[in-house]
Amino acid sequence: MLEEFGKKVFTAKLKKRAREIAEAEIKTFDAYLRGNVYGYIVDEDGDSCWGFYSIEDAIDEAKNTIDYIVKQERKTHFEQLKIWIRNRVPFQYRTSITV
């Protein structure tokens, strides 16, 4: 462990940190062995991700993905809107945002 942490002396603080890391690894491996692995699908295009060992992590990542998709859709829509305005396209031919 000294070599792994790049230390010369095995202190109580180092022992505590090593124990925390080992416990986290065991918890993750236990979830894997039990099949407690989660994922998400956010849209019909298949935007998805799997391999989370906690439902909270999967939900947080899904929310981040949705926020990113909405931000990109808005950006694309507003760029198109600028083009329509510049080209004086009548309102009835402009489409609204899809998100």
PDB file of N, CA and C in Angstrom:
ATOM      1  N   MET A   1       0.814  -1.196   0.000  1.00  0.00           N
ATOM      2  CA  MET A   1       0.000   0.000   0.000  1.00  0.00           C
ATOM      3  C   MET A   1       0.855   1.256   0.000  1.00  0.00           C
ATOM      4  N   LEU A   2       1.995   1.177   0.635  1.00  0.00           N
ATOM      5  CA  LEU A   2       2.879   2.336   0.628  1.00  0.00           C
ATOM      6  C   LEU A   2       3.277   2.689  -0.800  1.00  0.00           C
ATOM      7  N   GLU A   3       3.583   1.672  -1.561  1.00  0.00           N
ATOM      8  CA  GLU A   3       3.967   1.897  -2.959  1.00  0.00           C
ATOM      9  C   GLU A   3       2.794   2.456  -3.767  1.00  0.00           C
ATOM     10  N   GLU A   4       1.587   1.918  -3.536  1.00  0.00           N
ATOM     11  CA  GLU A   4       0.393   2.358  -4.254  1.00  0.00           C
ATOM     12  C   GLU A   4       0.090   3.833  -3.997  1.00  0.00           C
ATOM     13  N   PHE A   5       0.255   4.270  -2.755  1.00  0.00           N
ATOM     14  CA  PHE A   5      -0.027   5.656  -2.394  1.00  0.00           C
ATOM     15  C   PHE A   5       1.196   6.558  -2.516  1.00  0.00           C
ATOM     16  N   GLY A   6       2.356   5.971  -2.827  1.00  0.00           N
ATOM     17  CA  GLY A   6       3.566   6.760  -2.968  1.00  0.00           C
ATOM     18  C   GLY A   6       4.046   7.347  -1.654  1.00  0.00           C
ATOM     19  N   LYS A   7       3.862   6.606  -0.582  1.00  0.00           N
ATOM     20  CA  LYS A   7       4.256   7.073   0.754  1.00  0.00           C
ATOM     21  C   LYS A   7       5.384   6.202   1.296  1.00  0.00           C
ATOM     22  N   LYS A   8       6.034   6.698   2.332  1.00  0.00           N
ATOM     23  CA  LYS A   8       7.121   5.947   2.956  1.00  0.00           C
ATOM     24  C   LYS A   8       6.726   5.390   4.317  1.00  0.00           C
ATOM     25  N   VAL A   9       5.715   6.017   4.944  1.00  0.00           N
ATOM     26  CA  VAL A   9       5.299   5.606   6.290  1.00  0.00           C
ATOM     27  C   VAL A   9       3.799   5.283   6.257  1.00  0.00           C
ATOM     28  N   PHE A  10       3.434   4.168   6.906  1.00  0.00           N
ATOM     29  CA  PHE A  10       2.034   3.741   6.968  1.00  0.00           C
ATOM     30  C   PHE A  10       1.380   4.372   8.198  1.00  0.00           C
ATOM     31  N   THR A  11       0.721   5.515   7.991  1.00  0.00           N
ATOM     32  CA  THR A  11       0.115   6.270   9.090  1.00  0.00           C
ATOM     33  C   THR A  11      -1.340   5.825   9.309  1.00  0.00           C
ATOM     34  N   ALA A  12      -1.916   6.275  10.406  1.00  0.00           N
ATOM     35  CA  ALA A  12      -3.323   5.977  10.699  1.00  0.00           C
ATOM     36  C   ALA A  12      -4.231   6.592   9.628  1.00  0.00           C
ATOM     37  N   LYS A  13      -3.877   7.784   9.165  1.00  0.00           N
ATOM     38  CA  LYS A  13      -4.658   8.455   8.116  1.00  0.00           C
ATOM     39  C   LYS A  13      -4.616   7.647   6.819  1.00  0.00           C
ATOM     40  N   LEU A  14      -3.447   7.135   6.473  1.00  0.00           N
ATOM     41  CA  LEU A  14      -3.297   6.324   5.266  1.00  0.00           C
ATOM     42  C   LEU A  14      -4.069   5.017   5.407  1.00  0.00           C
ATOM     43  N   LYS A  15      -4.029   4.428   6.593  1.00  0.00           N
ATOM     44  CA  LYS A  15      -4.766   3.184   6.856  1.00  0.00           C
ATOM     45  C   LYS A  15      -6.264   3.423   6.682  1.00  0.00           C
ATOM     46  N   LYS A  16      -6.760   4.555   7.215  1.00  0.00           N
ATOM     47  CA  LYS A  16      -8.179   4.894   7.095  1.00  0.00           C
ATOM     48  C   LYS A  16      -8.573   5.070   5.631  1.00  0.00           C
ATOM     49  N   ARG A  17      -7.745   5.782   4.873  1.00  0.00           N
ATOM     50  CA  ARG A  17      -8.032   6.022   3.444  1.00  0.00           C
ATOM     51  C   ARG A  17      -8.028   4.710   2.656  1.00  0.00           C
ATOM     52  N   ALA A  18      -7.066   3.841   2.939  1.00  0.00           N
ATOM     53  CA  ALA A  18      -6.995   2.549   2.254  1.00  0.00           C
ATOM     54  C   ALA A  18      -8.228   1.705   2.566  1.00  0.00           C
ATOM     55  N   ARG A  19      -8.677   1.755   3.812  1.00  0.00           N
ATOM     56  CA  ARG A  19      -9.867   1.003   4.207  1.00  0.00           C
ATOM     57  C   ARG A  19     -11.108   1.531   3.483  1.00  0.00           C
ATOM     58  N   GLU A  20     -11.234   2.849   3.383  1.00  0.00           N
ATOM     59  CA  GLU A  20     -12.373   3.451   2.681  1.00  0.00           C
ATOM     60  C   GLU A  20     -12.397   3.026   1.214  1.00  0.00           C
ATOM     61  N   ILE A  21     -11.235   3.024   0.600  1.00  0.00           N
ATOM     62  CA  ILE A  21     -11.148   2.622  -0.813  1.00  0.00           C
ATOM     63  C   ILE A  21     -11.530   1.154  -0.965  1.00  0.00           C
ATOM     64  N   ALA A  22     -11.017   0.306  -0.086  1.00  0.00           N
ATOM     65  CA  ALA A  22     -11.322  -1.124  -0.148  1.00  0.00           C
ATOM     66  C   ALA A  22     -12.810  -1.377   0.056  1.00  0.00           C
ATOM     67  N   GLU A  23     -13.425  -0.679   1.005  1.00  0.00           N
ATOM     68  CA  GLU A  23     -14.855  -0.850   1.254  1.00  0.00           C
ATOM     69  C   GLU A  23     -15.683  -0.408   0.048  1.00  0.00           C
ATOM     70  N   ALA A  24     -15.295   0.671  -0.592  1.00  0.00           N
ATOM     71  CA  ALA A  24     -16.006   1.137  -1.791  1.00  0.00           C
ATOM     72  C   ALA A  24     -15.873   0.129  -2.928  1.00  0.00           C
ATOM     73  N   GLU A  25     -14.699  -0.434  -3.096  1.00  0.00           N
ATOM     74  CA  GLU A  25     -14.485  -1.452  -4.134  1.00  0.00           C
ATOM     75  C   GLU A  25     -15.335  -2.693  -3.861  1.00  0.00           C
ATOM     76  N   ILE A  26     -15.395  -3.109  -2.606  1.00  0.00           N
ATOM     77  CA  ILE A  26     -16.198  -4.281  -2.239  1.00  0.00           C
ATOM     78  C   ILE A  26     -17.678  -4.013  -2.480  1.00  0.00           C
ATOM     79  N   LYS A  27     -18.133  -2.823  -2.115  1.00  0.00           N
ATOM     80  CA  LYS A  27     -19.539  -2.449  -2.324  1.00  0.00           C
ATOM     81  C   LYS A  27     -19.889  -2.474  -3.815  1.00  0.00           C
ATOM     82  N   THR A  28     -19.013  -1.929  -4.643  1.00  0.00           N
ATOM     83  CA  THR A  28     -19.236  -1.915  -6.087  1.00  0.00           C
ATOM     84  C   THR A  28     -19.237  -3.333  -6.651  1.00  0.00           C
ATOM     85  N   PHE A  29     -18.296  -4.161  -6.240  1.00  0.00           N
ATOM     86  CA  PHE A  29     -18.210  -5.533  -6.727  1.00  0.00           C
ATOM     87  C   PHE A  29     -19.425  -6.340  -6.278  1.00  0.00           C
ATOM     88  N   ASP A  30     -19.899  -6.093  -5.049  1.00  0.00           N
ATOM     89  CA  ASP A  30     -21.095  -6.768  -4.547  1.00  0.00           C
ATOM     90  C   ASP A  30     -22.310  -6.402  -5.399  1.00  0.00           C
ATOM     91  N   ALA A  31     -22.457  -5.130  -5.729  1.00  0.00           N
ATOM     92  CA  ALA A  31     -23.570  -4.694  -6.575  1.00  0.00           C
ATOM     93  C   ALA A  31     -23.492  -5.373  -7.937  1.00  0.00           C
ATOM     94  N   TYR A  32     -22.296  -5.482  -8.485  1.00  0.00           N
ATOM     95  CA  TYR A  32     -22.087  -6.148  -9.769  1.00  0.00           C
ATOM     96  C   TYR A  32     -22.503  -7.617  -9.686  1.00  0.00           C
ATOM     97  N   LEU A  33     -22.042  -8.309  -8.658  1.00  0.00           N
ATOM     98  CA  LEU A  33     -22.356  -9.736  -8.515  1.00  0.00           C
ATOM     99  C   LEU A  33     -23.843  -9.985  -8.299  1.00  0.00           C
ATOM    100  N   ARG A  34     -24.503  -9.080  -7.608  1.00  0.00           N
ATOM    101  CA  ARG A  34     -25.937  -9.232  -7.341  1.00  0.00           C
ATOM    102  C   ARG A  34     -26.798  -8.781  -8.521  1.00  0.00           C
ATOM    103  N   GLY A  35     -26.182  -8.161  -9.517  1.00  0.00           N
ATOM    104  CA  GLY A  35     -26.936  -7.682 -10.671  1.00  0.00           C
ATOM    105  C   GLY A  35     -27.607  -6.348 -10.438  1.00  0.00           C
ATOM    106  N   ASN A  36     -27.185  -5.633  -9.416  1.00  0.00           N
ATOM    107  CA  ASN A  36     -27.742  -4.314  -9.123  1.00  0.00           C
ATOM    108  C   ASN A  36     -27.041  -3.262  -9.971  1.00  0.00           C
ATOM    109  N   VAL A  37     -27.312  -3.315 -11.246  1.00  0.00           N
ATOM    110  CA  VAL A  37     -26.703  -2.398 -12.198  1.00  0.00           C
ATOM    111  C   VAL A  37     -27.849  -1.684 -12.907  1.00  0.00           C
ATOM    112  N   TYR A  38     -27.728  -0.367 -13.022  1.00  0.00           N
ATOM    113  CA  TYR A  38     -28.820   0.447 -13.543  1.00  0.00           C
ATOM    114  C   TYR A  38     -28.401   1.201 -14.801  1.00  0.00           C
ATOM    115  N   GLY A  39     -29.410   1.659 -15.519  1.00  0.00           N
ATOM    116  CA  GLY A  39     -29.166   2.453 -16.710  1.00  0.00           C
ATOM    117  C   GLY A  39     -30.405   3.267 -17.036  1.00  0.00           C
ATOM    118  N   TYR A  40     -30.345   3.966 -18.145  1.00  0.00           N
ATOM    119  CA  TYR A  40     -31.483   4.790 -18.545  1.00  0.00           C
ATOM    120  C   TYR A  40     -31.534   4.924 -20.051  1.00  0.00           C
ATOM    121  N   ILE A  41     -32.743   5.228 -20.536  1.00  0.00           N
ATOM    122  CA  ILE A  41     -32.987   5.586 -21.931  1.00  0.00           C
ATOM    123  C   ILE A  41     -33.774   6.885 -21.874  1.00  0.00           C
ATOM    124  N   VAL A  42     -33.287   7.942 -22.536  1.00  0.00           N
ATOM    125  CA  VAL A  42     -33.963   9.233 -22.413  1.00  0.00           C
ATOM    126  C   VAL A  42     -34.837   9.607 -23.599  1.00  0.00           C
ATOM    127  N   ASP A  43     -34.679   8.944 -24.735  1.00  0.00           N
ATOM    128  CA  ASP A  43     -35.540   9.277 -25.868  1.00  0.00           C
ATOM    129  C   ASP A  43     -35.619   8.119 -26.850  1.00  0.00           C
ATOM    130  N   GLU A  44     -36.491   8.288 -27.850  1.00  0.00           N
ATOM    131  CA  GLU A  44     -36.713   7.227 -28.827  1.00  0.00           C
ATOM    132  C   GLU A  44     -35.520   7.018 -29.767  1.00  0.00           C
ATOM    133  N   ASP A  45     -34.585   7.970 -29.786  1.00  0.00           N
ATOM    134  CA  ASP A  45     -33.386   7.822 -30.622  1.00  0.00           C
ATOM    135  C   ASP A  45     -32.359   6.895 -29.993  1.00  0.00           C
ATOM    136  N   GLY A  46     -32.595   6.504 -28.749  1.00  0.00           N
ATOM    137  CA  GLY A  46     -31.701   5.559 -28.107  1.00  0.00           C
ATOM    138  C   GLY A  46     -30.615   6.181 -27.256  1.00  0.00           C
ATOM    139  N   ASP A  47     -30.740   7.477 -26.935  1.00  0.00           N
ATOM    140  CA  ASP A  47     -29.771   8.070 -26.015  1.00  0.00           C
ATOM    141  C   ASP A  47     -29.898   7.346 -24.689  1.00  0.00           C
ATOM    142  N   SER A  48     -28.870   6.571 -24.345  1.00  0.00           N
ATOM    143  CA  SER A  48     -28.938   5.751 -23.146  1.00  0.00           C
ATOM    144  C   SER A  48     -27.544   5.520 -22.584  1.00  0.00           C
ATOM    145  N   CYS A  49     -27.507   5.031 -21.363  1.00  0.00           N
ATOM    146  CA  CYS A  49     -26.242   4.677 -20.731  1.00  0.00           C
ATOM    147  C   CYS A  49     -26.534   3.652 -19.640  1.00  0.00           C
ATOM    148  N   TRP A  50     -25.695   2.664 -19.530  1.00  0.00           N
ATOM    149  CA  TRP A  50     -25.870   1.593 -18.561  1.00  0.00           C
ATOM    150  C   TRP A  50     -24.569   1.373 -17.802  1.00  0.00           C
ATOM    151  N   GLY A  51     -24.669   0.727 -16.651  1.00  0.00           N
ATOM    152  CA  GLY A  51     -23.490   0.380 -15.886  1.00  0.00           C
ATOM    153  C   GLY A  51     -23.331   1.181 -14.609  1.00  0.00           C
ATOM    154  N   PHE A  52     -24.428   1.745 -14.109  1.00  0.00           N
ATOM    155  CA  PHE A  52     -24.376   2.481 -12.855  1.00  0.00           C
ATOM    156  C   PHE A  52     -24.682   1.528 -11.710  1.00  0.00           C
ATOM    157  N   TYR A  53     -23.943   1.635 -10.631  1.00  0.00           N
ATOM    158  CA  TYR A  53     -24.145   0.760  -9.493  1.00  0.00           C
ATOM    159  C   TYR A  53     -25.012   1.390  -8.414  1.00  0.00           C
ATOM    160  N   SER A  54     -25.573   2.541  -8.697  1.00  0.00           N
ATOM    161  CA  SER A  54     -26.560   3.129  -7.790  1.00  0.00           C
ATOM    162  C   SER A  54     -27.619   3.811  -8.642  1.00  0.00           C
ATOM    163  N   ILE A  55     -28.854   3.681  -8.222  1.00  0.00           N
ATOM    164  CA  ILE A  55     -29.967   4.273  -8.952  1.00  0.00           C
ATOM    165  C   ILE A  55     -29.855   5.791  -8.949  1.00  0.00           C
ATOM    166  N   GLU A  56     -29.322   6.356  -7.858  1.00  0.00           N
ATOM    167  CA  GLU A  56     -29.167   7.799  -7.776  1.00  0.00           C
ATOM    168  C   GLU A  56     -28.201   8.318  -8.837  1.00  0.00           C
ATOM    169  N   ASP A  57     -27.089   7.593  -9.041  1.00  0.00           N
ATOM    170  CA  ASP A  57     -26.120   7.994 -10.070  1.00  0.00           C
ATOM    171  C   ASP A  57     -26.739   7.924 -11.464  1.00  0.00           C
ATOM    172  N   ALA A  58     -27.532   6.881 -11.718  1.00  0.00           N
ATOM    173  CA  ALA A  58     -28.185   6.743 -13.021  1.00  0.00           C
ATOM    174  C   ALA A  58     -29.168   7.888 -13.253  1.00  0.00           C
ATOM    175  N   ILE A  59     -29.938   8.234 -12.235  1.00  0.00           N
ATOM    176  CA  ILE A  59     -30.912   9.325 -12.363  1.00  0.00           C
ATOM    177  C   ILE A  59     -30.202  10.657 -12.582  1.00  0.00           C
ATOM    178  N   ASP A  60     -29.155  10.912 -11.817  1.00  0.00           N
ATOM    179  CA  ASP A  60     -28.404  12.164 -11.983  1.00  0.00           C
ATOM    180  C   ASP A  60     -27.835  12.278 -13.393  1.00  0.00           C
ATOM    181  N   GLU A  61     -27.268  11.207 -13.907  1.00  0.00           N
ATOM    182  CA  GLU A  61     -26.691  11.234 -15.248  1.00  0.00           C
ATOM    183  C   GLU A  61     -27.772  11.391 -16.309  1.00  0.00           C
ATOM    184  N   ALA A  62     -28.922  10.744 -16.109  1.00  0.00           N
ATOM    185  CA  ALA A  62     -30.042  10.900 -17.050  1.00  0.00           C
ATOM    186  C   ALA A  62     -30.509  12.349 -17.084  1.00  0.00           C
ATOM    187  N   LYS A  63     -30.619  12.973 -15.910  1.00  0.00           N
ATOM    188  CA  LYS A  63     -31.015  14.386 -15.852  1.00  0.00           C
ATOM    189  C   LYS A  63     -30.007  15.267 -16.586  1.00  0.00           C
ATOM    190  N   ASN A  64     -28.726  15.008 -16.376  1.00  0.00           N
ATOM    191  CA  ASN A  64     -27.687  15.782 -17.069  1.00  0.00           C
ATOM    192  C   ASN A  64     -27.782  15.605 -18.572  1.00  0.00           C
ATOM    193  N   THR A  65     -28.059  14.386 -19.012  1.00  0.00           N
ATOM    194  CA  THR A  65     -28.194  14.115 -20.447  1.00  0.00           C
ATOM    195  C   THR A  65     -29.397  14.855 -21.018  1.00  0.00           C
ATOM    196  N   ILE A  66     -30.517  14.822 -20.312  1.00  0.00           N
ATOM    197  CA  ILE A  66     -31.715  15.527 -20.763  1.00  0.00           C
ATOM    198  C   ILE A  66     -31.456  17.030 -20.831  1.00  0.00           C
ATOM    199  N   ASP A  67     -30.825  17.572 -19.815  1.00  0.00           N
ATOM    200  CA  ASP A  67     -30.500  19.009 -19.820  1.00  0.00           C
ATOM    201  C   ASP A  67     -29.632  19.370 -21.018  1.00  0.00           C
ATOM    202  N   TYR A  68     -28.652  18.513 -21.329  1.00  0.00           N
ATOM    203  CA  TYR A  68     -27.773  18.769 -22.474  1.00  0.00           C
ATOM    204  C   TYR A  68     -28.559  18.724 -23.783  1.00  0.00           C
ATOM    205  N   ILE A  69     -29.436  17.731 -23.932  1.00  0.00           N
ATOM    206  CA  ILE A  69     -30.234  17.608 -25.161  1.00  0.00           C
ATOM    207  C   ILE A  69     -31.128  18.837 -25.332  1.00  0.00           C
ATOM    208  N   VAL A  70     -31.778  19.272 -24.254  1.00  0.00           N
ATOM    209  CA  VAL A  70     -32.656  20.448 -24.325  1.00  0.00           C
ATOM    210  C   VAL A  70     -31.843  21.690 -24.695  1.00  0.00           C
ATOM    211  N   LYS A  71     -30.683  21.836 -24.083  1.00  0.00           N
ATOM    212  CA  LYS A  71     -29.828  22.991 -24.381  1.00  0.00           C
ATOM    213  C   LYS A  71     -29.420  22.997 -25.860  1.00  0.00           C
ATOM    214  N   GLN A  72     -29.060  21.849 -26.387  1.00  0.00           N
ATOM    215  CA  GLN A  72     -28.653  21.762 -27.798  1.00  0.00           C
ATOM    216  C   GLN A  72     -29.827  22.035 -28.730  1.00  0.00           C
ATOM    217  N   GLU A  73     -31.013  21.509 -28.383  1.00  0.00           N
ATOM    218  CA  GLU A  73     -32.207  21.750 -29.206  1.00  0.00           C
ATOM    219  C   GLU A  73     -32.560  23.238 -29.228  1.00  0.00           C
ATOM    220  N   ARG A  74     -32.480  23.868 -28.068  1.00  0.00           N
ATOM    221  CA  ARG A  74     -32.764  25.308 -28.009  1.00  0.00           C
ATOM    222  C   ARG A  74     -31.759  26.096 -28.842  1.00  0.00           C
ATOM    223  N   LYS A  75     -30.498  25.747 -28.713  1.00  0.00           N
ATOM    224  CA  LYS A  75     -29.456  26.443 -29.474  1.00  0.00           C
ATOM    225  C   LYS A  75     -29.713  26.304 -30.978  1.00  0.00           C
ATOM    226  N   THR A  76     -30.006  25.094 -31.420  1.00  0.00           N
ATOM    227  CA  THR A  76     -30.293  24.850 -32.833  1.00  0.00           C
ATOM    228  C   THR A  76     -31.516  25.637 -33.279  1.00  0.00           C
ATOM    229  N   HIS A  77     -32.569  25.615 -32.447  1.00  0.00           N
ATOM    230  CA  HIS A  77     -33.797  26.327 -32.795  1.00  0.00           C
ATOM    231  C   HIS A  77     -33.556  27.835 -32.908  1.00  0.00           C
ATOM    232  N   PHE A  78     -32.825  28.407 -31.959  1.00  0.00           N
ATOM    233  CA  PHE A  78     -32.588  29.842 -31.996  1.00  0.00           C
ATOM    234  C   PHE A  78     -31.690  30.251 -33.153  1.00  0.00           C
ATOM    235  N   GLU A  79     -30.787  29.396 -33.531  1.00  0.00           N
ATOM    236  CA  GLU A  79     -29.973  29.685 -34.725  1.00  0.00           C
ATOM    237  C   GLU A  79     -30.867  29.707 -35.967  1.00  0.00           C
ATOM    238  N   GLN A  80     -31.789  28.739 -36.049  1.00  0.00           N
ATOM    239  CA  GLN A  80     -32.728  28.708 -37.177  1.00  0.00           C
ATOM    240  C   GLN A  80     -33.641  29.928 -37.134  1.00  0.00           C
ATOM    241  N   LEU A  81     -34.073  30.304 -35.949  1.00  0.00           N
ATOM    242  CA  LEU A  81     -34.938  31.467 -35.800  1.00  0.00           C
ATOM    243  C   LEU A  81     -34.247  32.737 -36.293  1.00  0.00           C
ATOM    244  N   LYS A  82     -32.973  32.875 -35.984  1.00  0.00           N
ATOM    245  CA  LYS A  82     -32.215  34.036 -36.474  1.00  0.00           C
ATOM    246  C   LYS A  82     -32.197  34.072 -38.000  1.00  0.00           C
ATOM    247  N   ILE A  83     -32.037  32.916 -38.602  1.00  0.00           N
ATOM    248  CA  ILE A  83     -32.032  32.842 -40.076  1.00  0.00           C
ATOM    249  C   ILE A  83     -33.395  33.248 -40.629  1.00  0.00           C
ATOM    250  N   TRP A  84     -34.475  32.738 -40.024  1.00  0.00           N
ATOM    251  CA  TRP A  84     -35.817  33.093 -40.472  1.00  0.00           C
ATOM    252  C   TRP A  84     -36.059  34.595 -40.347  1.00  0.00           C
ATOM    253  N   ILE A  85     -35.630  35.165 -39.240  1.00  0.00           N
ATOM    254  CA  ILE A  85     -35.826  36.608 -39.038  1.00  0.00           C
ATOM    255  C   ILE A  85     -35.026  37.404 -40.064  1.00  0.00           C
ATOM    256  N   ARG A  86     -33.772  37.015 -40.247  1.00  0.00           N
ATOM    257  CA  ARG A  86     -32.924  37.703 -41.221  1.00  0.00           C
ATOM    258  C   ARG A  86     -33.529  37.632 -42.632  1.00  0.00           C
ATOM    259  N   ASN A  87     -34.142  36.485 -42.961  1.00  0.00           N
ATOM    260  CA  ASN A  87     -34.713  36.293 -44.296  1.00  0.00           C
ATOM    261  C   ASN A  87     -36.194  36.669 -44.371  1.00  0.00           C
ATOM    262  N   ARG A  88     -36.705  37.225 -43.284  1.00  0.00           N
ATOM    263  CA  ARG A  88     -38.087  37.710 -43.211  1.00  0.00           C
ATOM    264  C   ARG A  88     -39.122  36.646 -43.593  1.00  0.00           C
ATOM    265  N   VAL A  89     -38.903  35.458 -43.057  1.00  0.00           N
ATOM    266  CA  VAL A  89     -39.849  34.363 -43.296  1.00  0.00           C
ATOM    267  C   VAL A  89     -41.115  34.648 -42.495  1.00  0.00           C
ATOM    268  N   PRO A  90     -42.286  34.554 -43.117  1.00  0.00           N
ATOM    269  CA  PRO A  90     -43.541  34.818 -42.406  1.00  0.00           C
ATOM    270  C   PRO A  90     -43.743  33.853 -41.234  1.00  0.00           C
ATOM    271  N   PHE A  91     -44.471  34.309 -40.216  1.00  0.00           N
ATOM    272  CA  PHE A  91     -44.672  33.520 -39.007  1.00  0.00           C
ATOM    273  C   PHE A  91     -45.285  32.146 -39.279  1.00  0.00           C
ATOM    274  N   GLN A  92     -46.222  32.076 -40.206  1.00  0.00           N
ATOM    275  CA  GLN A  92     -46.913  30.805 -40.440  1.00  0.00           C
ATOM    276  C   GLN A  92     -45.980  29.707 -40.974  1.00  0.00           C
ATOM    277  N   TYR A  93     -44.806  30.081 -41.449  1.00  0.00           N
ATOM    278  CA  TYR A  93     -43.864  29.086 -41.961  1.00  0.00           C
ATOM    279  C   TYR A  93     -42.762  28.717 -40.952  1.00  0.00           C
ATOM    280  N   ARG A  94     -42.763  29.407 -39.842  1.00  0.00           N
ATOM    281  CA  ARG A  94     -41.773  29.106 -38.802  1.00  0.00           C
ATOM    282  C   ARG A  94     -42.316  28.039 -37.877  1.00  0.00           C
ATOM    283  N   THR A  95     -41.494  27.070 -37.566  1.00  0.00           N
ATOM    284  CA  THR A  95     -41.924  26.000 -36.665  1.00  0.00           C
ATOM    285  C   THR A  95     -41.461  26.292 -35.243  1.00  0.00           C
ATOM    286  N   SER A  96     -42.195  25.764 -34.289  1.00  0.00           N
ATOM    287  CA  SER A  96     -41.798  25.961 -32.887  1.00  0.00           C
ATOM    288  C   SER A  96     -40.777  24.915 -32.482  1.00  0.00           C
ATOM    289  N   ILE A  97     -40.171  25.140 -31.335  1.00  0.00           N
ATOM    290  CA  ILE A  97     -39.169  24.216 -30.821  1.00  0.00           C
ATOM    291  C   ILE A  97     -39.834  22.894 -30.471  1.00  0.00           C
ATOM    292  N   THR A  98     -39.131  21.790 -30.679  1.00  0.00           N
ATOM    293  CA  THR A  98     -39.718  20.459 -30.487  1.00  0.00           C
ATOM    294  C   THR A  98     -39.503  19.899 -29.097  1.00  0.00           C
ATOM    295  N   VAL A  99     -38.708  20.572 -28.266  1.00  0.00           N
ATOM    296  CA  VAL A  99     -38.427  20.033 -26.929  1.00  0.00           C
ATOM    297  C   VAL A  99     -39.355  20.648 -25.926  1.00  0.00           C
TER     298      VAL A  99
END
